[in-house]
Amino acid sequence: MTTKANILAIAPELSDRDDSLFTLVINDVSLQVTSSEYGARAEEARRYLAAHLLTLAGSSTSTGAAGASGPVTSEKMGEAERDYGTISDIIGSSKATRYDLTTYGMRFISICRSSLSRFLVV
């Protein structure tokens, strides 16, 4: 089972993310990465996909006064202004499937490719 501790074991820099964000991402990846598709590598795939999404989500320590967290969506230099997105802006978006944006996403794709070969054997 994917846990916050398991994800932090491969991505300790994500320790500043909110527990609620971890819970959301873990629940989402558990629906996307199934044992029937990934076999023995399902748990590994979940960890790396979760780390990818959490990396894209941004840190909770960099949130604005409004409590927004997630990727920076815009910045302004004069009279410093910064807007943040949310995890729902990432999940299901083209950014979530840009696995090349993080090392975790690239590792996830590597796992996917090795799992896919199981289904190509005739």
C-alpha atoms as a PDB file:
ATOM      1  CA  MET A   1       0.000   0.000   0.000  1.00  0.00           C
ATOM      2  CA  THR A   2       1.289   3.422  -0.933  1.00  0.00           C
ATOM      3  CA  THR A   3       1.901   5.639   2.075  1.00  0.00           C
ATOM      4  CA  LYS A   4       3.340   9.061   2.714  1.00  0.00           C
ATOM      5  CA  ALA A   5       6.370   7.400   4.332  1.00  0.00           C
ATOM      6  CA  ASN A   6       6.988   5.257   1.235  1.00  0.00           C
ATOM      7  CA  ILE A   7       6.831   8.294  -1.024  1.00  0.00           C
ATOM      8  CA  LEU A   8       9.127  10.300   1.244  1.00  0.00           C
ATOM      9  CA  ALA A   9      11.636   7.444   1.162  1.00  0.00           C
ATOM     10  CA  ILE A  10      12.238   8.188  -2.533  1.00  0.00           C
ATOM     11  CA  ALA A  11      11.440  11.917  -2.429  1.00  0.00           C
ATOM     12  CA  PRO A  12      12.350  13.421   0.963  1.00  0.00           C
ATOM     13  CA  GLU A  13      12.093  16.963  -0.439  1.00  0.00           C
ATOM     14  CA  LEU A  14       8.306  16.515  -0.514  1.00  0.00           C
ATOM     15  CA  SER A  15       8.051  16.466   3.290  1.00  0.00           C
ATOM     16  CA  ASP A  16       6.669  20.014   3.326  1.00  0.00           C
ATOM     17  CA  ARG A  17       3.495  19.007   1.461  1.00  0.00           C
ATOM     18  CA  ASP A  18       0.239  18.913   3.421  1.00  0.00           C
ATOM     19  CA  ASP A  19      -1.053  15.551   4.656  1.00  0.00           C
ATOM     20  CA  SER A  20      -4.353  16.209   2.900  1.00  0.00           C
ATOM     21  CA  LEU A  21      -2.505  16.632  -0.400  1.00  0.00           C
ATOM     22  CA  PHE A  22      -0.690  13.331   0.154  1.00  0.00           C
ATOM     23  CA  THR A  23      -4.005  11.624   0.869  1.00  0.00           C
ATOM     24  CA  LEU A  24      -5.607  13.040  -2.279  1.00  0.00           C
ATOM     25  CA  VAL A  25      -2.703  12.074  -4.516  1.00  0.00           C
ATOM     26  CA  ILE A  26      -2.362   8.587  -2.990  1.00  0.00           C
ATOM     27  CA  ASN A  27      -6.077   7.941  -3.528  1.00  0.00           C
ATOM     28  CA  ASP A  28      -5.884   9.154  -7.125  1.00  0.00           C
ATOM     29  CA  VAL A  29      -2.837   7.083  -8.065  1.00  0.00           C
ATOM     30  CA  SER A  30      -4.308   3.975  -6.455  1.00  0.00           C
ATOM     31  CA  LEU A  31      -7.172   4.256  -8.951  1.00  0.00           C
ATOM     32  CA  GLN A  32      -4.858   4.875 -11.899  1.00  0.00           C
ATOM     33  CA  VAL A  33      -2.202   2.230 -11.201  1.00  0.00           C
ATOM     34  CA  THR A  34      -3.669  -1.217 -10.670  1.00  0.00           C
ATOM     35  CA  SER A  35      -1.999  -4.515  -9.874  1.00  0.00           C
ATOM     36  CA  SER A  36      -3.703  -6.133 -12.842  1.00  0.00           C
ATOM     37  CA  GLU A  37      -1.894  -3.741 -15.177  1.00  0.00           C
ATOM     38  CA  TYR A  38       1.443  -3.332 -13.405  1.00  0.00           C
ATOM     39  CA  GLY A  39       1.801  -6.673 -11.633  1.00  0.00           C
ATOM     40  CA  ALA A  40       4.537  -6.816  -9.004  1.00  0.00           C
ATOM     41  CA  ARG A  41       5.660  -3.293  -9.918  1.00  0.00           C
ATOM     42  CA  ALA A  42       2.313  -1.631  -9.116  1.00  0.00           C
ATOM     43  CA  GLU A  43       3.416  -0.293  -5.735  1.00  0.00           C
ATOM     44  CA  GLU A  44       6.643   1.089  -7.183  1.00  0.00           C
ATOM     45  CA  ALA A  45       4.699   2.736 -10.011  1.00  0.00           C
ATOM     46  CA  ARG A  46       2.271   4.314  -7.518  1.00  0.00           C
ATOM     47  CA  ARG A  47       5.125   5.772  -5.468  1.00  0.00           C
ATOM     48  CA  TYR A  48       6.803   7.362  -8.469  1.00  0.00           C
ATOM     49  CA  LEU A  49       3.572   8.681  -9.963  1.00  0.00           C
ATOM     50  CA  ALA A  50       2.608  10.165  -6.584  1.00  0.00           C
ATOM     51  CA  ALA A  51       6.044  11.779  -6.216  1.00  0.00           C
ATOM     52  CA  HIS A  52       5.678  13.214  -9.726  1.00  0.00           C
ATOM     53  CA  LEU A  53       2.277  14.751  -8.977  1.00  0.00           C
ATOM     54  CA  LEU A  54       3.353  16.041  -5.569  1.00  0.00           C
ATOM     55  CA  THR A  55       6.417  17.667  -7.110  1.00  0.00           C
ATOM     56  CA  LEU A  56       4.220  19.435  -9.649  1.00  0.00           C
ATOM     57  CA  ALA A  57       1.796  20.486  -6.919  1.00  0.00           C
ATOM     58  CA  GLY A  58       4.352  22.720  -5.222  1.00  0.00           C
ATOM     59  CA  SER A  59       5.099  23.185  -1.576  1.00  0.00           C
ATOM     60  CA  SER A  60       2.735  24.192   1.184  1.00  0.00           C
ATOM     61  CA  THR A  61       5.451  26.390   2.694  1.00  0.00           C
ATOM     62  CA  SER A  62       5.400  28.610  -0.363  1.00  0.00           C
ATOM     63  CA  THR A  63       1.710  29.305  -0.131  1.00  0.00           C
ATOM     64  CA  GLY A  64       0.281  32.751  -0.156  1.00  0.00           C
ATOM     65  CA  ALA A  65      -1.785  34.381   2.564  1.00  0.00           C
ATOM     66  CA  ALA A  66      -4.896  32.847   1.087  1.00  0.00           C
ATOM     67  CA  GLY A  67      -3.514  29.374   1.756  1.00  0.00           C
ATOM     68  CA  ALA A  68      -3.222  28.433  -1.897  1.00  0.00           C
ATOM     69  CA  SER A  69      -0.743  25.734  -2.710  1.00  0.00           C
ATOM     70  CA  GLY A  70       0.344  24.188  -5.919  1.00  0.00           C
ATOM     71  CA  PRO A  71       2.282  25.239  -8.960  1.00  0.00           C
ATOM     72  CA  VAL A  72       2.905  28.913  -9.586  1.00  0.00           C
ATOM     73  CA  THR A  73       0.465  29.916 -12.317  1.00  0.00           C
ATOM     74  CA  SER A  74       1.560  33.548 -12.683  1.00  0.00           C
ATOM     75  CA  GLU A  75       4.001  36.065 -11.245  1.00  0.00           C
ATOM     76  CA  LYS A  76       4.355  39.824 -11.405  1.00  0.00           C
ATOM     77  CA  MET A  77       7.470  41.824 -10.536  1.00  0.00           C
ATOM     78  CA  GLY A  78       6.103  45.293  -9.726  1.00  0.00           C
ATOM     79  CA  GLU A  79       4.274  45.143  -6.386  1.00  0.00           C
ATOM     80  CA  ALA A  80       5.216  41.445  -6.161  1.00  0.00           C
ATOM     81  CA  GLU A  81       2.294  39.214  -6.965  1.00  0.00           C
ATOM     82  CA  ARG A  82       2.153  35.425  -7.310  1.00  0.00           C
ATOM     83  CA  ASP A  83      -0.776  33.128  -8.055  1.00  0.00           C
ATOM     84  CA  TYR A  84      -0.861  29.434  -7.228  1.00  0.00           C
ATOM     85  CA  GLY A  85      -2.822  26.586  -8.740  1.00  0.00           C
ATOM     86  CA  THR A  86      -4.175  23.568  -6.929  1.00  0.00           C
ATOM     87  CA  ILE A  87      -3.577  19.852  -7.221  1.00  0.00           C
ATOM     88  CA  SER A  88      -6.839  19.555  -9.162  1.00  0.00           C
ATOM     89  CA  ASP A  89      -5.303  21.916 -11.731  1.00  0.00           C
ATOM     90  CA  ILE A  90      -2.622  19.275 -12.289  1.00  0.00           C
ATOM     91  CA  ILE A  91      -4.402  15.940 -12.051  1.00  0.00           C
ATOM     92  CA  GLY A  92      -6.119  15.276 -15.342  1.00  0.00           C
ATOM     93  CA  SER A  93      -4.262  18.103 -17.070  1.00  0.00           C
ATOM     94  CA  SER A  94      -1.587  17.959 -19.714  1.00  0.00           C
ATOM     95  CA  LYS A  95       1.013  18.837 -17.058  1.00  0.00           C
ATOM     96  CA  ALA A  96       0.208  15.679 -15.105  1.00  0.00           C
ATOM     97  CA  THR A  97       1.003  13.605 -18.163  1.00  0.00           C
ATOM     98  CA  ARG A  98       4.202  15.526 -18.935  1.00  0.00           C
ATOM     99  CA  TYR A  99       6.203  12.911 -17.106  1.00  0.00           C
ATOM    100  CA  ASP A 100       9.433  14.408 -18.435  1.00  0.00           C
ATOM    101  CA  LEU A 101       8.950  17.386 -16.106  1.00  0.00           C
ATOM    102  CA  THR A 102      10.235  15.399 -13.109  1.00  0.00           C
ATOM    103  CA  THR A 103      12.702  12.571 -12.541  1.00  0.00           C
ATOM    104  CA  TYR A 104       9.879  10.745 -10.751  1.00  0.00           C
ATOM    105  CA  GLY A 105       7.679  11.000 -13.813  1.00  0.00           C
ATOM    106  CA  MET A 106      10.448   9.646 -16.024  1.00  0.00           C
ATOM    107  CA  ARG A 107      10.935   6.718 -13.631  1.00  0.00           C
ATOM    108  CA  PHE A 108       7.166   6.090 -13.724  1.00  0.00           C
ATOM    109  CA  ILE A 109       7.291   5.908 -17.532  1.00  0.00           C
ATOM    110  CA  SER A 110      10.195   3.465 -17.321  1.00  0.00           C
ATOM    111  CA  ILE A 111       8.113   1.241 -15.035  1.00  0.00           C
ATOM    112  CA  CYS A 112       5.144   1.539 -17.412  1.00  0.00           C
ATOM    113  CA  ARG A 113       7.259   0.454 -20.350  1.00  0.00           C
ATOM    114  CA  SER A 114       8.644  -2.564 -18.531  1.00  0.00           C
ATOM    115  CA  SER A 115       5.127  -3.540 -17.385  1.00  0.00           C
ATOM    116  CA  LEU A 116       3.720  -3.103 -20.882  1.00  0.00           C
ATOM    117  CA  SER A 117       6.062  -5.744 -22.252  1.00  0.00           C
ATOM    118  CA  ARG A 118       4.175  -8.340 -20.163  1.00  0.00           C
ATOM    119  CA  PHE A 119       1.139  -7.798 -22.351  1.00  0.00           C
ATOM    120  CA  LEU A 120       2.987  -7.923 -25.672  1.00  0.00           C
ATOM    121  CA  VAL A 121       4.227 -11.482 -25.320  1.00  0.00           C
ATOM    122  CA  VAL A 122       2.206 -13.804 -27.570  1.00  0.00           C
END
